[in-house]
């Protein structure tokens, strides 16, 4: 006998949610309305920052984007650019021996001048940190070279490094015949490296300020334990200076890879081809390609290759910070 089935209930209509209520956000997610004073402050902020924003867009970001495009073209700055793709990069990396020589000279200069500046700055800062007479005068004299314009500094070193200049006269006191620093090819890069040591005052000031911030209690505890001055330097002073040393390293690398004014002023290409060839670095090469040979597209490609080189070395430096950079706020 079949069991009678109960009749199915009619589906109840689900009331539609109020669209106005659904659109409303919870009070915690609503954007508060700015008061008249806050709007005035925001307007003032954008007004005062607008010169920097305009300058960044017009003189930095805009030219960077344009240089990316021009690096993919054959352009002489007079005729319309012709699209060549990555041919400029291929030419620089495979068919231009001058590019590799300039890159090697740049590596050579950076590999010696940057560590030399770091060591010299650390040594000077350690000396100035001691209680000596006329300490403020010595600090001023060491920092003073960094205030002199680079062109004036180059002109000074042109006289200092002359064949009859003060350096060769000093070597003559010991019976040594000084070289033609700015004329002989093998001595051109050492002359530029010697000039780079002239600007060690900026790193010295930063390191000296960091030394003043090291807690005195650490040295007092080390003295109680019988630590010598040398041990205190290696175990207390140097670890606390590693963040400043790292900053000076990054800035030194960037400046060394972009050396230009010293080469352009001290070693003119037309008057000293051998010396200029020995001192040919990346930025002077870029300048020659752009403004002497009017190869703007090729010069733009060289500039981006230089950017990649600086970026690689900067990333490597940052990756090594965990091994040797000490920050007081972190526990290792």
Protein backbone atom coordinates (compact mmCIF):
# COMPACT_ATOMS: atom_id res chain seq x y z
CA UNK A 1 0.00 0.00 0.00
CA UNK A 2 1.55 3.31 -1.02
CA UNK A 3 2.33 5.85 1.65
CA UNK A 4 0.85 9.23 0.89
CA UNK A 5 3.46 11.96 0.57
CA UNK A 6 3.05 15.28 2.28
CA UNK A 7 2.52 18.19 0.01
CA UNK A 8 5.66 20.33 -0.59
CA UNK A 9 5.64 23.72 1.04
CA UNK A 10 5.70 26.57 -1.30
CA UNK A 11 9.15 28.29 -1.38
CA UNK A 12 9.15 31.41 0.64
CA UNK A 13 10.34 34.50 -1.07
CA UNK A 14 13.63 35.79 0.31
CA UNK A 15 13.33 39.46 1.05
CA UNK A 16 15.72 41.54 -0.99
CA UNK A 17 18.31 43.45 0.97
CA UNK A 18 18.05 47.11 0.88
CA UNK A 19 20.56 48.32 -1.70
CA UNK A 20 21.12 51.47 0.27
CA UNK A 21 21.96 49.56 3.45
CA UNK A 22 24.28 47.19 1.56
CA UNK A 23 26.15 50.05 0.03
CA UNK A 24 26.78 51.63 3.36
CA UNK A 25 30.16 50.83 4.92
CA UNK A 26 30.73 50.13 8.58
CA UNK A 27 31.70 53.21 10.57
CA UNK A 28 35.25 51.87 11.01
CA UNK A 29 35.75 51.74 7.20
CA UNK A 30 34.32 55.10 6.37
CA UNK A 31 36.82 57.71 5.30
CA UNK A 32 36.60 60.57 7.79
CA UNK A 33 35.88 63.92 6.32
CA UNK A 34 38.73 66.36 6.52
CA UNK A 35 38.14 69.51 8.39
CA UNK A 36 38.73 72.84 6.79
CA UNK A 37 42.02 73.20 8.64
CA UNK A 38 43.24 69.75 7.56
CA UNK A 39 42.31 70.47 3.94
CA UNK A 40 44.27 73.71 4.13
CA UNK A 41 47.26 71.84 5.56
CA UNK A 42 47.05 69.20 2.82
CA UNK A 43 46.88 71.88 0.16
CA UNK A 44 49.89 73.63 1.66
CA UNK A 45 51.79 70.33 1.71
CA UNK A 46 51.18 69.64 -1.97
CA UNK A 47 51.97 73.24 -2.81
CA UNK A 48 55.33 73.17 -1.07
CA UNK A 49 56.28 69.74 -2.41
CA UNK A 50 55.24 70.56 -5.98
CA UNK A 51 58.62 72.08 -6.99
CA UNK A 52 60.36 68.83 -6.07
CA UNK A 53 57.69 66.71 -7.77
CA UNK A 54 57.86 68.80 -10.94
CA UNK A 55 61.65 68.73 -10.90
CA UNK A 56 61.66 64.96 -10.36
CA UNK A 57 59.23 64.33 -13.22
CA UNK A 58 60.81 66.78 -15.67
CA UNK A 59 64.53 66.45 -14.91
CA UNK A 60 64.88 62.88 -13.59
CA UNK A 61 62.04 60.47 -14.32
CA UNK A 62 61.24 61.92 -17.74
CA UNK A 63 64.85 61.80 -19.02
CA UNK A 64 65.26 58.30 -17.60
CA UNK A 65 62.25 57.01 -19.53
CA UNK A 66 63.43 58.83 -22.64
CA UNK A 67 66.93 57.36 -22.32
CA UNK A 68 65.45 53.85 -22.18
CA UNK A 69 63.73 54.52 -25.51
CA UNK A 70 66.76 56.19 -27.09
CA UNK A 71 69.00 53.30 -26.01
CA UNK A 72 66.95 51.14 -28.39
CA UNK A 73 67.40 53.53 -31.31
CA UNK A 74 70.07 54.96 -33.56
CA UNK A 75 69.86 58.69 -32.86
CA UNK A 76 72.30 61.50 -33.50
CA UNK A 77 70.17 64.17 -31.71
CA UNK A 78 69.51 65.94 -35.04
CA UNK A 79 67.60 63.45 -37.17
CA UNK A 80 64.60 61.37 -36.06
CA UNK A 81 65.65 58.26 -34.10
CA UNK A 82 65.65 54.90 -35.91
CA UNK A 83 64.55 51.83 -34.01
CA UNK A 84 67.34 49.22 -33.75
CA UNK A 85 66.19 47.20 -30.74
CA UNK A 86 68.98 45.85 -28.53
CA UNK A 87 71.68 46.42 -31.15
CA UNK A 88 73.37 49.14 -29.09
CA UNK A 89 73.70 46.81 -26.12
CA UNK A 90 75.02 44.00 -28.32
CA UNK A 91 77.56 46.34 -29.88
CA UNK A 92 78.80 47.53 -26.50
CA UNK A 93 79.15 44.04 -25.07
CA UNK A 94 80.54 42.20 -28.10
CA UNK A 95 82.00 44.64 -30.61
CA UNK A 96 83.49 47.59 -28.71
CA UNK A 97 86.88 47.00 -27.04
CA UNK A 98 86.89 50.58 -25.73
CA UNK A 99 83.80 49.79 -23.65
CA UNK A 100 85.50 46.88 -21.91
CA UNK A 101 88.67 48.87 -21.37
CA UNK A 102 86.69 51.73 -19.83
CA UNK A 103 84.84 49.23 -17.64
CA UNK A 104 88.13 47.69 -16.50
CA UNK A 105 89.60 51.13 -15.71
CA UNK A 106 86.48 51.96 -13.71
CA UNK A 107 86.75 48.69 -11.75
CA UNK A 108 90.43 49.35 -11.11
CA UNK A 109 89.76 52.84 -9.81
CA UNK A 110 86.83 51.77 -7.62
CA UNK A 111 88.60 48.70 -6.22
CA UNK A 112 91.46 50.82 -4.84
CA UNK A 113 89.98 54.27 -4.20
CA UNK A 114 86.94 53.08 -2.21
CA UNK A 115 88.84 50.91 0.32
CA UNK A 116 91.53 53.58 0.54
CA UNK A 117 88.94 56.23 1.38
CA UNK A 118 87.32 53.98 4.01
CA UNK A 119 90.62 53.16 5.72
CA UNK A 120 91.86 56.74 5.58
CA UNK A 121 88.58 58.11 6.93
CA UNK A 122 88.55 55.57 9.77
CA UNK A 123 92.16 56.36 10.67
CA UNK A 124 91.58 60.11 10.69
CA UNK A 125 88.38 59.78 12.71
CA UNK A 126 90.17 57.67 15.30
CA UNK A 127 92.92 60.28 15.60
CA UNK A 128 90.47 63.17 15.90
CA UNK A 129 88.52 61.32 18.57
CA UNK A 130 91.44 61.54 20.96
CA UNK A 131 91.93 64.36 23.44
CA UNK A 132 94.54 66.48 21.65
CA UNK A 133 95.18 70.20 21.44
CA UNK A 134 93.59 72.19 18.60
CA UNK A 135 91.28 69.27 17.91
CA UNK A 136 88.57 71.52 16.44
CA UNK A 137 91.10 73.14 14.12
CA UNK A 138 92.23 69.75 12.80
CA UNK A 139 88.62 68.69 12.23
CA UNK A 140 87.99 71.83 10.21
CA UNK A 141 91.14 71.36 8.12
CA UNK A 142 90.31 67.74 7.33
CA UNK A 143 86.74 68.53 6.28
CA UNK A 144 87.68 71.68 4.35
CA UNK A 145 88.72 69.87 1.10
CA UNK A 146 85.19 68.50 0.69
CA UNK A 147 83.87 72.07 0.52
CA UNK A 148 86.15 73.03 -2.37
CA UNK A 149 84.48 72.63 -5.79
CA UNK A 150 85.69 69.64 -7.76
CA UNK A 151 86.90 71.79 -10.64
CA UNK A 152 89.06 73.88 -8.30
CA UNK A 153 90.39 70.68 -6.72
CA UNK A 154 91.31 69.31 -10.14
CA UNK A 155 93.17 72.51 -11.00
CA UNK A 156 95.09 72.30 -7.72
CA UNK A 157 96.09 68.71 -8.43
CA UNK A 158 97.14 69.65 -11.94
CA UNK A 159 99.86 71.80 -10.33
CA UNK A 160 100.61 69.29 -7.56
CA UNK A 161 101.03 66.40 -10.02
CA UNK A 162 103.04 68.38 -12.58
CA UNK A 163 106.52 67.04 -13.48
CA UNK A 164 108.05 69.86 -11.41
CA UNK A 165 105.29 69.84 -8.81
CA UNK A 166 105.51 69.40 -5.03
CA UNK A 167 105.13 65.61 -5.11
CA UNK A 168 108.06 65.08 -7.47
CA UNK A 169 110.08 67.65 -5.53
CA UNK A 170 109.43 65.63 -2.37
CA UNK A 171 110.49 62.41 -4.09
CA UNK A 172 113.64 64.18 -5.28
CA UNK A 173 114.69 64.64 -1.65
CA UNK A 174 115.17 60.86 -1.50
CA UNK A 175 116.94 60.66 -4.84
CA UNK A 176 113.85 59.45 -6.69
CA UNK A 177 112.81 60.74 -10.08
CA UNK A 178 109.10 61.36 -10.06
CA UNK A 179 107.01 60.29 -13.07
CA UNK A 180 104.84 62.42 -15.30
CA UNK A 181 101.70 61.60 -13.35
CA UNK A 182 99.19 62.94 -15.86
CA UNK A 183 101.14 62.07 -19.02
CA UNK A 184 102.51 58.56 -18.52
CA UNK A 185 99.84 55.93 -19.00
CA UNK A 186 100.82 53.63 -16.09
CA UNK A 187 100.72 56.54 -13.62
CA UNK A 188 97.43 58.15 -14.62
CA UNK A 189 95.16 55.88 -12.57
CA UNK A 190 97.38 56.10 -9.45
CA UNK A 191 97.20 59.89 -9.79
CA UNK A 192 93.41 59.80 -9.89
CA UNK A 193 93.34 57.45 -6.89
CA UNK A 194 95.67 59.79 -5.00
CA UNK A 195 93.30 62.65 -5.76
CA UNK A 196 90.34 60.65 -4.46
CA UNK A 197 91.99 60.45 -1.02
CA UNK A 198 91.75 64.24 -0.88
CA UNK A 199 88.01 63.99 -0.19
CA UNK A 200 88.18 61.59 2.76
CA UNK A 201 87.01 64.35 5.11
CA UNK A 202 83.32 63.67 4.49
CA UNK A 203 83.64 60.05 5.61
CA UNK A 204 85.80 61.17 8.53
CA UNK A 205 83.12 63.50 9.89
CA UNK A 206 80.44 60.79 9.77
CA UNK A 207 82.69 58.24 11.45
CA UNK A 208 83.72 60.74 14.11
CA UNK A 209 80.07 61.52 14.88
CA UNK A 210 79.38 57.79 15.22
CA UNK A 211 82.33 57.40 17.59
CA UNK A 212 80.89 60.11 19.82
CA UNK A 213 77.66 58.13 20.05
CA UNK A 214 79.26 54.94 21.40
CA UNK A 215 78.35 54.52 25.10
CA UNK A 216 81.28 55.29 27.37
CA UNK A 217 80.21 52.50 29.72
CA UNK A 218 81.41 49.92 27.20
CA UNK A 219 84.96 51.28 27.30
CA UNK A 220 84.91 51.49 31.08
CA UNK A 221 83.83 47.86 31.33
CA UNK A 222 86.55 46.85 28.86
CA UNK A 223 89.17 48.69 30.91
CA UNK A 224 88.04 46.87 34.04
CA UNK A 225 88.48 43.57 32.19
CA UNK A 226 92.00 44.63 31.21
CA UNK A 227 91.37 45.16 27.48
CA UNK A 228 94.04 47.16 25.68
CA UNK A 229 93.31 50.17 23.48
CA UNK A 230 93.74 48.02 20.37
CA UNK A 231 91.32 45.40 21.67
CA UNK A 232 88.79 48.11 22.56
CA UNK A 233 88.99 49.47 19.03
CA UNK A 234 88.42 46.08 17.37
CA UNK A 235 85.79 44.82 19.81
CA UNK A 236 83.84 48.01 20.63
CA UNK A 237 84.61 50.90 18.29
CA UNK A 238 84.71 49.12 14.95
CA UNK A 239 81.48 47.07 15.36
CA UNK A 240 79.56 50.22 16.30
CA UNK A 241 80.94 52.00 13.23
CA UNK A 242 79.92 49.34 10.71
CA UNK A 243 76.60 51.03 9.74
CA UNK A 244 78.48 54.25 8.87
CA UNK A 245 81.20 52.26 7.12
CA UNK A 246 78.51 50.53 5.08
CA UNK A 247 76.96 53.88 4.14
CA UNK A 248 80.37 55.24 3.09
CA UNK A 249 80.96 52.05 1.09
CA UNK A 250 77.75 52.42 -0.90
CA UNK A 251 78.28 56.12 -1.57
CA UNK A 252 81.93 55.52 -2.44
CA UNK A 253 81.03 52.82 -4.96
CA UNK A 254 78.43 55.01 -6.63
CA UNK A 255 80.82 57.98 -6.85
CA UNK A 256 83.75 55.86 -8.02
CA UNK A 257 81.80 54.26 -10.85
CA UNK A 258 80.66 57.72 -11.98
CA UNK A 259 84.06 59.44 -11.98
CA UNK A 260 84.10 62.06 -14.71
CA UNK A 261 85.26 65.57 -13.82
CA UNK A 262 88.76 64.50 -12.76
CA UNK A 263 89.39 62.71 -16.05
CA UNK A 264 87.78 65.42 -18.15
CA UNK A 265 89.76 68.27 -16.56
CA UNK A 266 93.13 66.71 -15.76
CA UNK A 267 93.61 64.54 -18.83
CA UNK A 268 92.32 66.22 -22.01
CA UNK A 269 91.88 63.76 -24.84
CA UNK A 270 93.40 65.82 -27.63
CA UNK A 271 96.56 66.84 -25.76
CA UNK A 272 97.31 63.50 -24.13
CA UNK A 273 95.86 60.53 -26.03
CA UNK A 274 97.95 57.93 -24.17
CA UNK A 275 97.05 59.24 -20.74
CA UNK A 276 93.40 59.66 -21.66
CA UNK A 277 93.27 56.11 -22.99
CA UNK A 278 94.71 54.80 -19.71
CA UNK A 279 92.19 56.82 -17.70
CA UNK A 280 89.18 56.18 -19.92
CA UNK A 281 86.29 55.31 -17.61
CA UNK A 282 82.59 54.74 -18.19
CA UNK A 283 81.19 58.24 -17.83
CA UNK A 284 83.87 59.93 -20.01
CA UNK A 285 83.22 57.23 -22.61
CA UNK A 286 79.51 57.95 -22.40
CA UNK A 287 80.21 61.68 -22.75
CA UNK A 288 82.40 61.18 -25.83
CA UNK A 289 79.85 58.98 -27.55
CA UNK A 290 77.05 61.45 -26.88
CA UNK A 291 78.67 64.84 -27.46
CA UNK A 292 81.77 64.12 -29.56
CA UNK A 293 80.45 61.45 -31.91
CA UNK A 294 76.72 62.29 -31.57
CA UNK A 295 75.75 58.69 -30.91
CA UNK A 296 73.04 59.47 -28.40
CA UNK A 297 71.39 56.07 -28.66
CA UNK A 298 74.64 54.23 -28.03
CA UNK A 299 75.49 56.58 -25.15
CA UNK A 300 72.09 55.88 -23.58
CA UNK A 301 72.77 52.15 -23.78
CA UNK A 302 76.14 52.63 -22.06
CA UNK A 303 74.46 54.64 -19.30
CA UNK A 304 71.99 51.83 -18.58
CA UNK A 305 74.75 49.24 -18.61
CA UNK A 306 76.60 51.37 -16.07
CA UNK A 307 73.42 51.57 -14.02
CA UNK A 308 73.17 47.78 -14.01
CA UNK A 309 76.79 47.46 -12.90
CA UNK A 310 76.24 49.86 -9.99
CA UNK A 311 73.01 48.08 -9.11
CA UNK A 312 74.72 44.68 -9.02
CA UNK A 313 77.51 45.87 -6.72
CA UNK A 314 75.02 47.66 -4.48
CA UNK A 315 72.86 44.54 -4.16
CA UNK A 316 75.94 42.44 -3.35
CA UNK A 317 76.95 44.93 -0.67
CA UNK A 318 73.47 44.82 0.86
CA UNK A 319 73.41 41.02 0.80
CA UNK A 320 76.63 40.89 2.85
CA UNK A 321 75.45 43.25 5.60
CA UNK A 322 74.22 40.42 7.85
CA UNK A 323 77.75 39.14 8.17
CA UNK A 324 79.58 42.29 9.17
CA UNK A 325 77.19 45.22 9.84
CA UNK A 326 76.13 45.54 13.48
CA UNK A 327 73.00 47.45 14.53
CA UNK A 328 72.37 48.16 18.18
CA UNK A 329 68.64 47.41 17.88
CA UNK A 330 69.09 43.85 16.61
CA UNK A 331 70.24 40.78 18.48
CA UNK A 332 72.43 38.29 16.67
